[in-house]
């Protein structure tokens, strides 16, 4: 595993023994690929582009976390933090893997290279798969919670059921952790793993249905008037509930569309129960798997763009983070002691 990063296969052909094409043999000889830091064998055009993309992805994930320090208490901040902390960890893992691969090119002997890779790199592919699954399920759950909180703001003040959003976000991490860890356990043919496979896909299907219902219900709420006391509220979570819900629906467009391949794959898998004898079913699953890989790769990019442009508190915090005192921003309408239930339990 990962030998392609650490050795150059050298093919030698023996044409002197016989004219037959069957007489040649492959002789793989380990060679040290790099001897200096700016190694031309590593820093190819493709690798330089990959490094640039990787650094940008790490940077934008950190930017979202920094933006949270520039805004007041808000349930959107709590939900977004819960989404981007795993994403930032995943991007740091990718950065670590690339650094380890680069370091492995400098070993003079194959034994040193193999030992280094076994210790520092061999376990990262499985961890990467686990983290990608974690991010997927976590994003589904957090987007459902985000829409629910936006809809909750349409209720009258005395009808809002208070709950600590931060604590709930932390508790809900149990679901993606449970699913992604158990899916990574070896022994896919065992009955327990079959049960987990069914459970994970059922959760995807149920979550997609819940999110669909929430979106339609949100459009219904957009046709309603806010409670009278919301107009005089100093809490923007209540006063601007309608516009915030509209922006959240716009924010949900790409994540919702990205969930469709997972929903289709889960439905197909449930129908055939993991069997792929049917060519049409097998082809559908292959297409969905390719789409899922693309979605997992580009998810951090479009999530950060949507967060910075569509979520009102983050859109407001962007000039505060990058322009500081050069940009005049209208003061937030907050009291020294805020009494709004939504504000009290936002964090």
C-alpha atoms as a PDB file:
ATOM      1  CA  UNK A   1       0.000   0.000   0.000  1.00  0.00           C
ATOM      2  CA  UNK A   2       1.218   3.498  -0.934  1.00  0.00           C
ATOM      3  CA  UNK A   3       4.252   1.968  -2.620  1.00  0.00           C
ATOM      4  CA  UNK A   4       3.589   4.161  -5.621  1.00  0.00           C
ATOM      5  CA  UNK A   5       4.675   7.140  -3.526  1.00  0.00           C
ATOM      6  CA  UNK A   6       7.930   5.624  -2.354  1.00  0.00           C
ATOM      7  CA  UNK A   7       9.444   3.577  -5.156  1.00  0.00           C
ATOM      8  CA  UNK A   8       9.991   3.894  -8.889  1.00  0.00           C
ATOM      9  CA  UNK A   9       9.441   0.628 -10.771  1.00  0.00           C
ATOM     10  CA  UNK A  10      12.254   0.061 -13.226  1.00  0.00           C
ATOM     11  CA  UNK A  11      11.487  -2.407 -16.007  1.00  0.00           C
ATOM     12  CA  UNK A  12      14.428  -4.205 -17.600  1.00  0.00           C
ATOM     13  CA  UNK A  13      13.894  -6.339 -20.679  1.00  0.00           C
ATOM     14  CA  UNK A  14      16.195  -9.237 -21.522  1.00  0.00           C
ATOM     15  CA  UNK A  15      16.290  -9.464 -25.300  1.00  0.00           C
ATOM     16  CA  UNK A  16      19.520 -11.466 -25.402  1.00  0.00           C
ATOM     17  CA  UNK A  17      18.193 -14.839 -24.287  1.00  0.00           C
ATOM     18  CA  UNK A  18      15.434 -15.445 -26.821  1.00  0.00           C
ATOM     19  CA  UNK A  19      13.334 -13.736 -29.448  1.00  0.00           C
ATOM     20  CA  UNK A  20      10.115 -14.823 -27.720  1.00  0.00           C
ATOM     21  CA  UNK A  21       7.996 -12.094 -26.120  1.00  0.00           C
ATOM     22  CA  UNK A  22       7.511 -14.339 -23.083  1.00  0.00           C
ATOM     23  CA  UNK A  23      11.162 -14.178 -22.164  1.00  0.00           C
ATOM     24  CA  UNK A  24      11.205 -10.691 -20.658  1.00  0.00           C
ATOM     25  CA  UNK A  25      10.751 -10.090 -16.963  1.00  0.00           C
ATOM     26  CA  UNK A  26       9.980  -7.112 -14.708  1.00  0.00           C
ATOM     27  CA  UNK A  27      12.598  -6.129 -12.178  1.00  0.00           C
ATOM     28  CA  UNK A  28      11.382  -3.579  -9.615  1.00  0.00           C
ATOM     29  CA  UNK A  29      14.219  -1.700  -7.953  1.00  0.00           C
ATOM     30  CA  UNK A  30      13.662   0.739  -5.095  1.00  0.00           C
ATOM     31  CA  UNK A  31      15.039   4.187  -5.788  1.00  0.00           C
ATOM     32  CA  UNK A  32      15.154   7.300  -3.641  1.00  0.00           C
ATOM     33  CA  UNK A  33      12.898   9.743  -5.461  1.00  0.00           C
ATOM     34  CA  UNK A  34      13.864  13.026  -3.794  1.00  0.00           C
ATOM     35  CA  UNK A  35      17.132  14.289  -2.351  1.00  0.00           C
ATOM     36  CA  UNK A  36      16.365  17.985  -1.916  1.00  0.00           C
ATOM     37  CA  UNK A  37      13.288  19.879  -0.752  1.00  0.00           C
ATOM     38  CA  UNK A  38      12.328  21.337  -4.135  1.00  0.00           C
ATOM     39  CA  UNK A  39      12.161  17.944  -5.799  1.00  0.00           C
ATOM     40  CA  UNK A  40      11.182  18.066  -9.458  1.00  0.00           C
ATOM     41  CA  UNK A  41       9.773  14.531  -9.259  1.00  0.00           C
ATOM     42  CA  UNK A  42       7.250  15.666  -6.641  1.00  0.00           C
ATOM     43  CA  UNK A  43       6.552  19.314  -7.410  1.00  0.00           C
ATOM     44  CA  UNK A  44       4.916  18.680 -10.737  1.00  0.00           C
ATOM     45  CA  UNK A  45       2.235  20.971 -12.128  1.00  0.00           C
ATOM     46  CA  UNK A  46      -0.514  18.664 -10.867  1.00  0.00           C
ATOM     47  CA  UNK A  47       0.922  18.391  -7.353  1.00  0.00           C
ATOM     48  CA  UNK A  48       1.393  22.153  -7.095  1.00  0.00           C
ATOM     49  CA  UNK A  49      -2.265  22.671  -8.040  1.00  0.00           C
ATOM     50  CA  UNK A  50      -3.319  20.028  -5.518  1.00  0.00           C
ATOM     51  CA  UNK A  51      -1.306  21.738  -2.788  1.00  0.00           C
ATOM     52  CA  UNK A  52      -2.907  25.074  -3.641  1.00  0.00           C
ATOM     53  CA  UNK A  53      -6.401  23.588  -3.474  1.00  0.00           C
ATOM     54  CA  UNK A  54      -5.583  21.847  -0.203  1.00  0.00           C
ATOM     55  CA  UNK A  55      -4.265  25.017   1.443  1.00  0.00           C
ATOM     56  CA  UNK A  56      -7.300  26.989   0.268  1.00  0.00           C
ATOM     57  CA  UNK A  57      -9.677  24.354   1.656  1.00  0.00           C
ATOM     58  CA  UNK A  58      -7.949  24.388   5.037  1.00  0.00           C
ATOM     59  CA  UNK A  59      -7.938  28.185   5.080  1.00  0.00           C
ATOM     60  CA  UNK A  60     -11.622  28.606   4.289  1.00  0.00           C
ATOM     61  CA  UNK A  61     -12.602  26.094   6.959  1.00  0.00           C
ATOM     62  CA  UNK A  62     -10.603  28.075   9.520  1.00  0.00           C
ATOM     63  CA  UNK A  63     -12.124  31.350   8.265  1.00  0.00           C
ATOM     64  CA  UNK A  64     -15.637  30.117   9.034  1.00  0.00           C
ATOM     65  CA  UNK A  65     -14.590  29.255  12.580  1.00  0.00           C
ATOM     66  CA  UNK A  66     -12.977  32.692  12.977  1.00  0.00           C
ATOM     67  CA  UNK A  67     -16.118  34.423  11.705  1.00  0.00           C
ATOM     68  CA  UNK A  68     -17.991  32.941  14.649  1.00  0.00           C
ATOM     69  CA  UNK A  69     -15.898  35.068  16.988  1.00  0.00           C
ATOM     70  CA  UNK A  70     -17.165  38.241  15.270  1.00  0.00           C
ATOM     71  CA  UNK A  71     -20.869  37.743  15.906  1.00  0.00           C
ATOM     72  CA  UNK A  72     -23.241  37.677  18.885  1.00  0.00           C
ATOM     73  CA  UNK A  73     -25.037  34.630  20.197  1.00  0.00           C
ATOM     74  CA  UNK A  74     -27.017  32.996  17.411  1.00  0.00           C
ATOM     75  CA  UNK A  75     -28.277  29.476  16.761  1.00  0.00           C
ATOM     76  CA  UNK A  76     -26.849  29.739  13.222  1.00  0.00           C
ATOM     77  CA  UNK A  77     -23.389  30.103  14.734  1.00  0.00           C
ATOM     78  CA  UNK A  78     -23.858  27.028  16.926  1.00  0.00           C
ATOM     79  CA  UNK A  79     -25.063  24.887  14.016  1.00  0.00           C
ATOM     80  CA  UNK A  80     -22.356  26.148  11.651  1.00  0.00           C
ATOM     81  CA  UNK A  81     -19.635  25.463  14.218  1.00  0.00           C
ATOM     82  CA  UNK A  82     -20.901  21.891  14.527  1.00  0.00           C
ATOM     83  CA  UNK A  83     -20.706  21.502  10.749  1.00  0.00           C
ATOM     84  CA  UNK A  84     -17.281  23.045  10.158  1.00  0.00           C
ATOM     85  CA  UNK A  85     -15.269  21.649  13.065  1.00  0.00           C
ATOM     86  CA  UNK A  86     -15.338  18.107  11.545  1.00  0.00           C
ATOM     87  CA  UNK A  87     -14.698  19.585   8.086  1.00  0.00           C
ATOM     88  CA  UNK A  88     -11.643  21.467   9.372  1.00  0.00           C
ATOM     89  CA  UNK A  89     -10.380  18.279  11.045  1.00  0.00           C
ATOM     90  CA  UNK A  90     -10.812  16.349   7.787  1.00  0.00           C
ATOM     91  CA  UNK A  91      -8.904  18.966   5.799  1.00  0.00           C
ATOM     92  CA  UNK A  92      -6.087  18.917   8.355  1.00  0.00           C
ATOM     93  CA  UNK A  93      -5.933  15.125   7.954  1.00  0.00           C
ATOM     94  CA  UNK A  94      -5.574  15.553   4.186  1.00  0.00           C
ATOM     95  CA  UNK A  95      -2.793  18.083   4.768  1.00  0.00           C
ATOM     96  CA  UNK A  96      -1.063  15.662   7.148  1.00  0.00           C
ATOM     97  CA  UNK A  97      -1.289  12.820   4.629  1.00  0.00           C
ATOM     98  CA  UNK A  98       0.250  14.927   1.886  1.00  0.00           C
ATOM     99  CA  UNK A  99       3.125  15.991   4.152  1.00  0.00           C
ATOM    100  CA  UNK A 100       3.799  12.380   5.142  1.00  0.00           C
ATOM    101  CA  UNK A 101       3.768  11.243   1.509  1.00  0.00           C
ATOM    102  CA  UNK A 102       6.261  13.992   0.644  1.00  0.00           C
ATOM    103  CA  UNK A 103       8.537  12.970   3.520  1.00  0.00           C
ATOM    104  CA  UNK A 104       8.443   9.319   2.443  1.00  0.00           C
ATOM    105  CA  UNK A 105      10.131  10.184  -0.854  1.00  0.00           C
ATOM    106  CA  UNK A 106      13.454  10.995   0.852  1.00  0.00           C
ATOM    107  CA  UNK A 107      14.313   7.581   2.323  1.00  0.00           C
ATOM    108  CA  UNK A 108      17.344   5.866   0.846  1.00  0.00           C
ATOM    109  CA  UNK A 109      16.249   2.290   1.579  1.00  0.00           C
ATOM    110  CA  UNK A 110      12.963   0.486   1.031  1.00  0.00           C
ATOM    111  CA  UNK A 111      12.960  -0.821   4.620  1.00  0.00           C
ATOM    112  CA  UNK A 112      13.036   2.703   6.049  1.00  0.00           C
ATOM    113  CA  UNK A 113      10.344   3.818   3.654  1.00  0.00           C
ATOM    114  CA  UNK A 114       8.057   0.878   4.431  1.00  0.00           C
ATOM    115  CA  UNK A 115       8.454   1.310   8.179  1.00  0.00           C
ATOM    116  CA  UNK A 116       7.726   5.032   7.940  1.00  0.00           C
ATOM    117  CA  UNK A 117       4.617   4.498   5.804  1.00  0.00           C
ATOM    118  CA  UNK A 118       3.295   1.742   8.079  1.00  0.00           C
ATOM    119  CA  UNK A 119       3.608   3.967  11.141  1.00  0.00           C
ATOM    120  CA  UNK A 120       2.490   7.346   9.826  1.00  0.00           C
ATOM    121  CA  UNK A 121       0.366   6.707   6.725  1.00  0.00           C
ATOM    122  CA  UNK A 122      -1.175   3.243   6.556  1.00  0.00           C
ATOM    123  CA  UNK A 123      -4.007   4.078   8.983  1.00  0.00           C
ATOM    124  CA  UNK A 124      -5.049   7.359   7.350  1.00  0.00           C
ATOM    125  CA  UNK A 125      -7.225   5.996   4.474  1.00  0.00           C
ATOM    126  CA  UNK A 126      -9.624   4.297   6.887  1.00  0.00           C
ATOM    127  CA  UNK A 127      -9.734   7.383   9.100  1.00  0.00           C
ATOM    128  CA  UNK A 128     -10.428   9.506   6.019  1.00  0.00           C
ATOM    129  CA  UNK A 129     -13.394   7.314   5.067  1.00  0.00           C
ATOM    130  CA  UNK A 130     -14.730   7.480   8.630  1.00  0.00           C
ATOM    131  CA  UNK A 131     -14.423  11.278   8.717  1.00  0.00           C
ATOM    132  CA  UNK A 132     -16.141  11.677   5.333  1.00  0.00           C
ATOM    133  CA  UNK A 133     -19.067   9.563   6.534  1.00  0.00           C
ATOM    134  CA  UNK A 134     -19.149  11.548   9.767  1.00  0.00           C
ATOM    135  CA  UNK A 135     -19.286  14.858   7.886  1.00  0.00           C
ATOM    136  CA  UNK A 136     -22.066  13.553   5.639  1.00  0.00           C
ATOM    137  CA  UNK A 137     -24.384  12.436   8.446  1.00  0.00           C
ATOM    138  CA  UNK A 138     -23.490  15.436  10.588  1.00  0.00           C
ATOM    139  CA  UNK A 139     -24.395  17.879   7.793  1.00  0.00           C
ATOM    140  CA  UNK A 140     -27.769  16.191   7.323  1.00  0.00           C
ATOM    141  CA  UNK A 141     -28.633  16.396  11.017  1.00  0.00           C
ATOM    142  CA  UNK A 142     -27.393  19.964  11.443  1.00  0.00           C
ATOM    143  CA  UNK A 143     -29.294  21.278   8.409  1.00  0.00           C
ATOM    144  CA  UNK A 144     -32.493  19.753   9.798  1.00  0.00           C
ATOM    145  CA  UNK A 145     -31.810  21.439  13.145  1.00  0.00           C
ATOM    146  CA  UNK A 146     -31.044  24.749  11.411  1.00  0.00           C
ATOM    147  CA  UNK A 147     -34.383  24.775   9.598  1.00  0.00           C
ATOM    148  CA  UNK A 148     -36.221  23.779  12.765  1.00  0.00           C
ATOM    149  CA  UNK A 149     -34.712  26.695  14.698  1.00  0.00           C
ATOM    150  CA  UNK A 150     -35.651  29.106  11.899  1.00  0.00           C
ATOM    151  CA  UNK A 151     -39.222  27.808  11.980  1.00  0.00           C
ATOM    152  CA  UNK A 152     -39.293  28.034  15.763  1.00  0.00           C
ATOM    153  CA  UNK A 153     -38.751  31.788  15.523  1.00  0.00           C
ATOM    154  CA  UNK A 154     -42.168  32.174  13.876  1.00  0.00           C
ATOM    155  CA  UNK A 155     -43.934  31.232  17.111  1.00  0.00           C
ATOM    156  CA  UNK A 156     -45.071  33.713  19.727  1.00  0.00           C
ATOM    157  CA  UNK A 157     -42.581  34.355  22.492  1.00  0.00           C
ATOM    158  CA  UNK A 158     -44.544  32.361  25.075  1.00  0.00           C
ATOM    159  CA  UNK A 159     -44.954  29.450  22.635  1.00  0.00           C
ATOM    160  CA  UNK A 160     -41.242  28.994  21.932  1.00  0.00           C
ATOM    161  CA  UNK A 161     -39.921  25.864  23.588  1.00  0.00           C
ATOM    162  CA  UNK A 162     -36.461  26.763  24.915  1.00  0.00           C
ATOM    163  CA  UNK A 163     -33.503  24.415  24.549  1.00  0.00           C
ATOM    164  CA  UNK A 164     -29.730  24.991  24.599  1.00  0.00           C
ATOM    165  CA  UNK A 165     -28.641  24.746  20.968  1.00  0.00           C
ATOM    166  CA  UNK A 166     -24.968  24.121  21.740  1.00  0.00           C
ATOM    167  CA  UNK A 167     -25.776  21.232  24.058  1.00  0.00           C
ATOM    168  CA  UNK A 168     -28.190  19.759  21.516  1.00  0.00           C
ATOM    169  CA  UNK A 169     -25.592  20.027  18.731  1.00  0.00           C
ATOM    170  CA  UNK A 170     -23.119  18.198  20.944  1.00  0.00           C
ATOM    171  CA  UNK A 171     -25.598  15.450  21.821  1.00  0.00           C
ATOM    172  CA  UNK A 172     -26.573  14.953  18.181  1.00  0.00           C
ATOM    173  CA  UNK A 173     -22.934  14.170  17.337  1.00  0.00           C
ATOM    174  CA  UNK A 174     -23.604  10.720  18.778  1.00  0.00           C
ATOM    175  CA  UNK A 175     -25.595   9.743  15.674  1.00  0.00           C
ATOM    176  CA  UNK A 176     -22.917  10.350  12.989  1.00  0.00           C
ATOM    177  CA  UNK A 177     -20.199   9.028  15.304  1.00  0.00           C
ATOM    178  CA  UNK A 178     -22.134   5.806  15.897  1.00  0.00           C
ATOM    179  CA  UNK A 179     -22.855   5.271  12.202  1.00  0.00           C
ATOM    180  CA  UNK A 180     -19.429   6.083  10.759  1.00  0.00           C
ATOM    181  CA  UNK A 181     -17.455   4.089  13.340  1.00  0.00           C
ATOM    182  CA  UNK A 182     -19.573   0.965  13.020  1.00  0.00           C
ATOM    183  CA  UNK A 183     -19.493   1.179   9.228  1.00  0.00           C
ATOM    184  CA  UNK A 184     -15.683   1.118   9.399  1.00  0.00           C
ATOM    185  CA  UNK A 185     -15.561  -2.160  11.337  1.00  0.00           C
ATOM    186  CA  UNK A 186     -14.118  -4.993   9.299  1.00  0.00           C
ATOM    187  CA  UNK A 187     -16.248  -7.983   8.421  1.00  0.00           C
ATOM    188  CA  UNK A 188     -18.812  -6.651   6.010  1.00  0.00           C
ATOM    189  CA  UNK A 189     -20.425 -10.051   5.555  1.00  0.00           C
ATOM    190  CA  UNK A 190     -21.433 -10.347   9.200  1.00  0.00           C
ATOM    191  CA  UNK A 191     -25.046  -9.931  10.227  1.00  0.00           C
ATOM    192  CA  UNK A 192     -24.257  -6.998  12.511  1.00  0.00           C
ATOM    193  CA  UNK A 193     -22.658  -5.024   9.689  1.00  0.00           C
ATOM    194  CA  UNK A 194     -25.643  -5.767   7.453  1.00  0.00           C
ATOM    195  CA  UNK A 195     -27.904  -4.330  10.131  1.00  0.00           C
ATOM    196  CA  UNK A 196     -25.749  -1.207  10.395  1.00  0.00           C
ATOM    197  CA  UNK A 197     -25.752  -0.831   6.611  1.00  0.00           C
ATOM    198  CA  UNK A 198     -29.540  -0.972   6.557  1.00  0.00           C
ATOM    199  CA  UNK A 199     -29.774   1.428   9.509  1.00  0.00           C
ATOM    200  CA  UNK A 200     -27.471   4.031   7.951  1.00  0.00           C
ATOM    201  CA  UNK A 201     -29.438   4.016   4.709  1.00  0.00           C
ATOM    202  CA  UNK A 202     -32.752   4.174   6.510  1.00  0.00           C
ATOM    203  CA  UNK A 203     -31.498   7.238   8.382  1.00  0.00           C
ATOM    204  CA  UNK A 204     -30.506   8.823   5.059  1.00  0.00           C
ATOM    205  CA  UNK A 205     -33.955   8.137   3.579  1.00  0.00           C
ATOM    206  CA  UNK A 206     -35.822   9.365   6.668  1.00  0.00           C
ATOM    207  CA  UNK A 207     -33.630  12.469   6.919  1.00  0.00           C
ATOM    208  CA  UNK A 208     -34.236  13.310   3.258  1.00  0.00           C
ATOM    209  CA  UNK A 209     -37.993  12.993   3.746  1.00  0.00           C
ATOM    210  CA  UNK A 210     -37.892  15.137   6.910  1.00  0.00           C
ATOM    211  CA  UNK A 211     -35.819  17.792   5.159  1.00  0.00           C
ATOM    212  CA  UNK A 212     -38.230  17.811   2.209  1.00  0.00           C
ATOM    213  CA  UNK A 213     -41.212  18.294   4.531  1.00  0.00           C
ATOM    214  CA  UNK A 214     -39.357  21.053   6.375  1.00  0.00           C
ATOM    215  CA  UNK A 215     -38.625  22.908   3.144  1.00  0.00           C
ATOM    216  CA  UNK A 216     -42.260  22.818   2.025  1.00  0.00           C
ATOM    217  CA  UNK A 217     -43.404  23.872   5.495  1.00  0.00           C
ATOM    218  CA  UNK A 218     -40.901  26.737   5.415  1.00  0.00           C
ATOM    219  CA  UNK A 219     -42.386  28.011   2.167  1.00  0.00           C
ATOM    220  CA  UNK A 220     -45.786  27.869   3.857  1.00  0.00           C
ATOM    221  CA  UNK A 221     -44.465  29.911   6.790  1.00  0.00           C
ATOM    222  CA  UNK A 222     -43.146  32.508   4.378  1.00  0.00           C
ATOM    223  CA  UNK A 223     -46.753  33.298   3.460  1.00  0.00           C
ATOM    224  CA  UNK A 224     -47.660  33.999   7.093  1.00  0.00           C
ATOM    225  CA  UNK A 225     -47.192  37.133   9.159  1.00  0.00           C
ATOM    226  CA  UNK A 226     -44.841  37.151  12.121  1.00  0.00           C
ATOM    227  CA  UNK A 227     -46.344  37.596  15.595  1.00  0.00           C
ATOM    228  CA  UNK A 228     -46.935  41.260  16.425  1.00  0.00           C
ATOM    229  CA  UNK A 229     -44.427  41.353  19.286  1.00  0.00           C
ATOM    230  CA  UNK A 230     -41.616  40.178  16.977  1.00  0.00           C
ATOM    231  CA  UNK A 231     -41.556  43.537  15.191  1.00  0.00           C
ATOM    232  CA  UNK A 232     -40.534  45.282  18.412  1.00  0.00           C
ATOM    233  CA  UNK A 233     -38.072  42.594  19.501  1.00  0.00           C
ATOM    234  CA  UNK A 234     -34.430  43.545  19.936  1.00  0.00           C
ATOM    235  CA  UNK A 235     -33.444  39.997  19.020  1.00  0.00           C
ATOM    236  CA  UNK A 236     -32.803  39.720  15.282  1.00  0.00           C
ATOM    237  CA  UNK A 237     -33.492  35.988  15.480  1.00  0.00           C
ATOM    238  CA  UNK A 238     -37.143  36.920  16.097  1.00  0.00           C
ATOM    239  CA  UNK A 239     -37.465  40.327  14.439  1.00  0.00           C
ATOM    240  CA  UNK A 240     -35.912  39.171  11.149  1.00  0.00           C
ATOM    241  CA  UNK A 241     -37.253  35.613  11.309  1.00  0.00           C
ATOM    242  CA  UNK A 242     -38.878  35.741   7.870  1.00  0.00           C
ATOM    243  CA  UNK A 243     -35.846  37.070   5.996  1.00  0.00           C
ATOM    244  CA  UNK A 244     -33.532  34.716   7.888  1.00  0.00           C
ATOM    245  CA  UNK A 245     -35.728  31.765   6.908  1.00  0.00           C
ATOM    246  CA  UNK A 246     -35.669  32.887   3.269  1.00  0.00           C
ATOM    247  CA  UNK A 247     -31.867  33.096   3.302  1.00  0.00           C
ATOM    248  CA  UNK A 248     -31.672  29.707   5.025  1.00  0.00           C
ATOM    249  CA  UNK A 249     -33.814  28.150   2.289  1.00  0.00           C
ATOM    250  CA  UNK A 250     -31.402  29.583  -0.272  1.00  0.00           C
ATOM    251  CA  UNK A 251     -28.529  28.180   1.798  1.00  0.00           C
ATOM    252  CA  UNK A 252     -30.192  24.747   1.718  1.00  0.00           C
ATOM    253  CA  UNK A 253     -30.477  24.483  -2.064  1.00  0.00           C
ATOM    254  CA  UNK A 254     -27.109  22.871  -2.809  1.00  0.00           C
ATOM    255  CA  UNK A 255     -26.943  20.688   0.352  1.00  0.00           C
ATOM    256  CA  UNK A 256     -30.448  19.418  -0.417  1.00  0.00           C
ATOM    257  CA  UNK A 257     -29.568  18.683  -4.049  1.00  0.00           C
ATOM    258  CA  UNK A 258     -26.339  17.005  -2.904  1.00  0.00           C
ATOM    259  CA  UNK A 259     -28.373  14.688  -0.694  1.00  0.00           C
ATOM    260  CA  UNK A 260     -30.341  13.287  -3.659  1.00  0.00           C
ATOM    261  CA  UNK A 261     -27.617  10.807  -4.807  1.00  0.00           C
ATOM    262  CA  UNK A 262     -27.370   9.477  -1.240  1.00  0.00           C
ATOM    263  CA  UNK A 263     -31.153   9.127  -1.122  1.00  0.00           C
ATOM    264  CA  UNK A 264     -31.297   7.309  -4.482  1.00  0.00           C
ATOM    265  CA  UNK A 265     -28.392   5.013  -3.583  1.00  0.00           C
ATOM    266  CA  UNK A 266     -29.994   4.196  -0.230  1.00  0.00           C
ATOM    267  CA  UNK A 267     -33.342   3.391  -1.852  1.00  0.00           C
ATOM    268  CA  UNK A 268     -31.674   1.167  -4.455  1.00  0.00           C
ATOM    269  CA  UNK A 269     -29.604  -0.583  -1.797  1.00  0.00           C
ATOM    270  CA  UNK A 270     -32.665  -1.219   0.375  1.00  0.00           C
ATOM    271  CA  UNK A 271     -34.558  -2.657  -2.608  1.00  0.00           C
ATOM    272  CA  UNK A 272     -31.809  -5.101  -3.575  1.00  0.00           C
ATOM    273  CA  UNK A 273     -30.469  -5.460   0.009  1.00  0.00           C
ATOM    274  CA  UNK A 274     -26.866  -5.133  -1.067  1.00  0.00           C
ATOM    275  CA  UNK A 275     -27.154  -7.593  -3.984  1.00  0.00           C
ATOM    276  CA  UNK A 276     -26.009  -6.226  -7.329  1.00  0.00           C
ATOM    277  CA  UNK A 277     -26.914  -9.051  -9.739  1.00  0.00           C
ATOM    278  CA  UNK A 278     -29.300  -6.772 -11.612  1.00  0.00           C
ATOM    279  CA  UNK A 279     -27.181  -4.845 -14.175  1.00  0.00           C
ATOM    280  CA  UNK A 280     -29.462  -1.795 -14.023  1.00  0.00           C
ATOM    281  CA  UNK A 281     -29.255  -1.672 -10.229  1.00  0.00           C
ATOM    282  CA  UNK A 282     -25.495  -2.153 -10.333  1.00  0.00           C
ATOM    283  CA  UNK A 283     -25.057   0.639 -12.878  1.00  0.00           C
ATOM    284  CA  UNK A 284     -27.248   2.962 -10.809  1.00  0.00           C
ATOM    285  CA  UNK A 285     -25.200   2.262  -7.698  1.00  0.00           C
ATOM    286  CA  UNK A 286     -21.937   2.910  -9.556  1.00  0.00           C
ATOM    287  CA  UNK A 287     -23.205   6.266 -10.860  1.00  0.00           C
ATOM    288  CA  UNK A 288     -24.427   7.262  -7.409  1.00  0.00           C
ATOM    289  CA  UNK A 289     -21.094   6.288  -5.838  1.00  0.00           C
ATOM    290  CA  UNK A 290     -19.232   8.510  -8.311  1.00  0.00           C
ATOM    291  CA  UNK A 291     -21.572  11.415  -7.549  1.00  0.00           C
ATOM    292  CA  UNK A 292     -21.120  10.850  -3.816  1.00  0.00           C
ATOM    293  CA  UNK A 293     -17.334  11.007  -4.182  1.00  0.00           C
ATOM    294  CA  UNK A 294     -17.585  14.301  -6.073  1.00  0.00           C
ATOM    295  CA  UNK A 295     -19.995  15.723  -3.490  1.00  0.00           C
ATOM    296  CA  UNK A 296     -17.741  14.699  -0.604  1.00  0.00           C
ATOM    297  CA  UNK A 297     -14.747  16.366  -2.285  1.00  0.00           C
ATOM    298  CA  UNK A 298     -16.455  19.668  -3.104  1.00  0.00           C
ATOM    299  CA  UNK A 299     -18.671  19.889   0.004  1.00  0.00           C
ATOM    300  CA  UNK A 300     -16.317  22.164   2.030  1.00  0.00           C
ATOM    301  CA  UNK A 301     -15.980  24.584  -0.890  1.00  0.00           C
ATOM    302  CA  UNK A 302     -19.642  25.229  -1.561  1.00  0.00           C
ATOM    303  CA  UNK A 303     -20.538  25.096   2.117  1.00  0.00           C
ATOM    304  CA  UNK A 304     -18.169  27.946   2.946  1.00  0.00           C
ATOM    305  CA  UNK A 305     -19.432  30.035   0.011  1.00  0.00           C
ATOM    306  CA  UNK A 306     -23.052  29.475   1.023  1.00  0.00           C
ATOM    307  CA  UNK A 307     -22.302  30.195   4.672  1.00  0.00           C
ATOM    308  CA  UNK A 308     -20.539  33.491   3.968  1.00  0.00           C
ATOM    309  CA  UNK A 309     -23.163  34.696   1.486  1.00  0.00           C
ATOM    310  CA  UNK A 310     -26.499  33.255   2.636  1.00  0.00           C
ATOM    311  CA  UNK A 311     -26.460  33.069   6.435  1.00  0.00           C
ATOM    312  CA  UNK A 312     -27.156  36.614   7.728  1.00  0.00           C
ATOM    313  CA  UNK A 313     -24.879  36.603  10.813  1.00  0.00           C
ATOM    314  CA  UNK A 314     -21.923  35.315   8.778  1.00  0.00           C
ATOM    315  CA  UNK A 315     -22.593  37.680   5.905  1.00  0.00           C
ATOM    316  CA  UNK A 316     -22.510  40.497   8.434  1.00  0.00           C
ATOM    317  CA  UNK A 317     -19.329  39.209  10.087  1.00  0.00           C
ATOM    318  CA  UNK A 318     -17.295  39.014   6.850  1.00  0.00           C
ATOM    319  CA  UNK A 319     -16.506  42.776   6.627  1.00  0.00           C
ATOM    320  CA  UNK A 320     -15.812  42.832  10.368  1.00  0.00           C
ATOM    321  CA  UNK A 321     -13.221  40.086   9.975  1.00  0.00           C
ATOM    322  CA  UNK A 322     -11.459  41.337   6.843  1.00  0.00           C
ATOM    323  CA  UNK A 323     -11.953  45.107   6.935  1.00  0.00           C
ATOM    324  CA  UNK A 324     -12.108  45.800  10.670  1.00  0.00           C
ATOM    325  CA  UNK A 325     -12.550  49.524  11.348  1.00  0.00           C
ATOM    326  CA  UNK A 326     -12.565  50.569   7.716  1.00  0.00           C
ATOM    327  CA  UNK A 327     -16.157  49.423   7.288  1.00  0.00           C
ATOM    328  CA  UNK A 328     -18.956  50.956   9.304  1.00  0.00           C
ATOM    329  CA  UNK A 329     -21.533  48.363  10.272  1.00  0.00           C
ATOM    330  CA  UNK A 330     -24.829  49.240  11.906  1.00  0.00           C
ATOM    331  CA  UNK A 331     -24.665  48.355  15.610  1.00  0.00           C
ATOM    332  CA  UNK A 332     -26.448  45.182  16.604  1.00  0.00           C
ATOM    333  CA  UNK A 333     -29.754  45.898  18.348  1.00  0.00           C
ATOM    334  CA  UNK A 334     -28.872  44.211  21.635  1.00  0.00           C
ATOM    335  CA  UNK A 335     -29.690  45.133  25.190  1.00  0.00           C
ATOM    336  CA  UNK A 336     -27.063  44.761  27.941  1.00  0.00           C
ATOM    337  CA  UNK A 337     -29.183  41.926  29.329  1.00  0.00           C
ATOM    338  CA  UNK A 338     -31.157  40.195  26.588  1.00  0.00           C
ATOM    339  CA  UNK A 339     -34.425  38.615  27.710  1.00  0.00           C
ATOM    340  CA  UNK A 340     -35.450  36.889  24.466  1.00  0.00           C
ATOM    341  CA  UNK A 341     -35.823  33.128  24.869  1.00  0.00           C
ATOM    342  CA  UNK A 342     -34.188  32.477  21.487  1.00  0.00           C
ATOM    343  CA  UNK A 343     -31.222  34.671  22.458  1.00  0.00           C
ATOM    344  CA  UNK A 344     -30.920  33.124  25.898  1.00  0.00           C
ATOM    345  CA  UNK A 345     -30.674  29.599  24.524  1.00  0.00           C
ATOM    346  CA  UNK A 346     -28.834  30.397  21.278  1.00  0.00           C
ATOM    347  CA  UNK A 347     -25.569  29.058  22.739  1.00  0.00           C
END
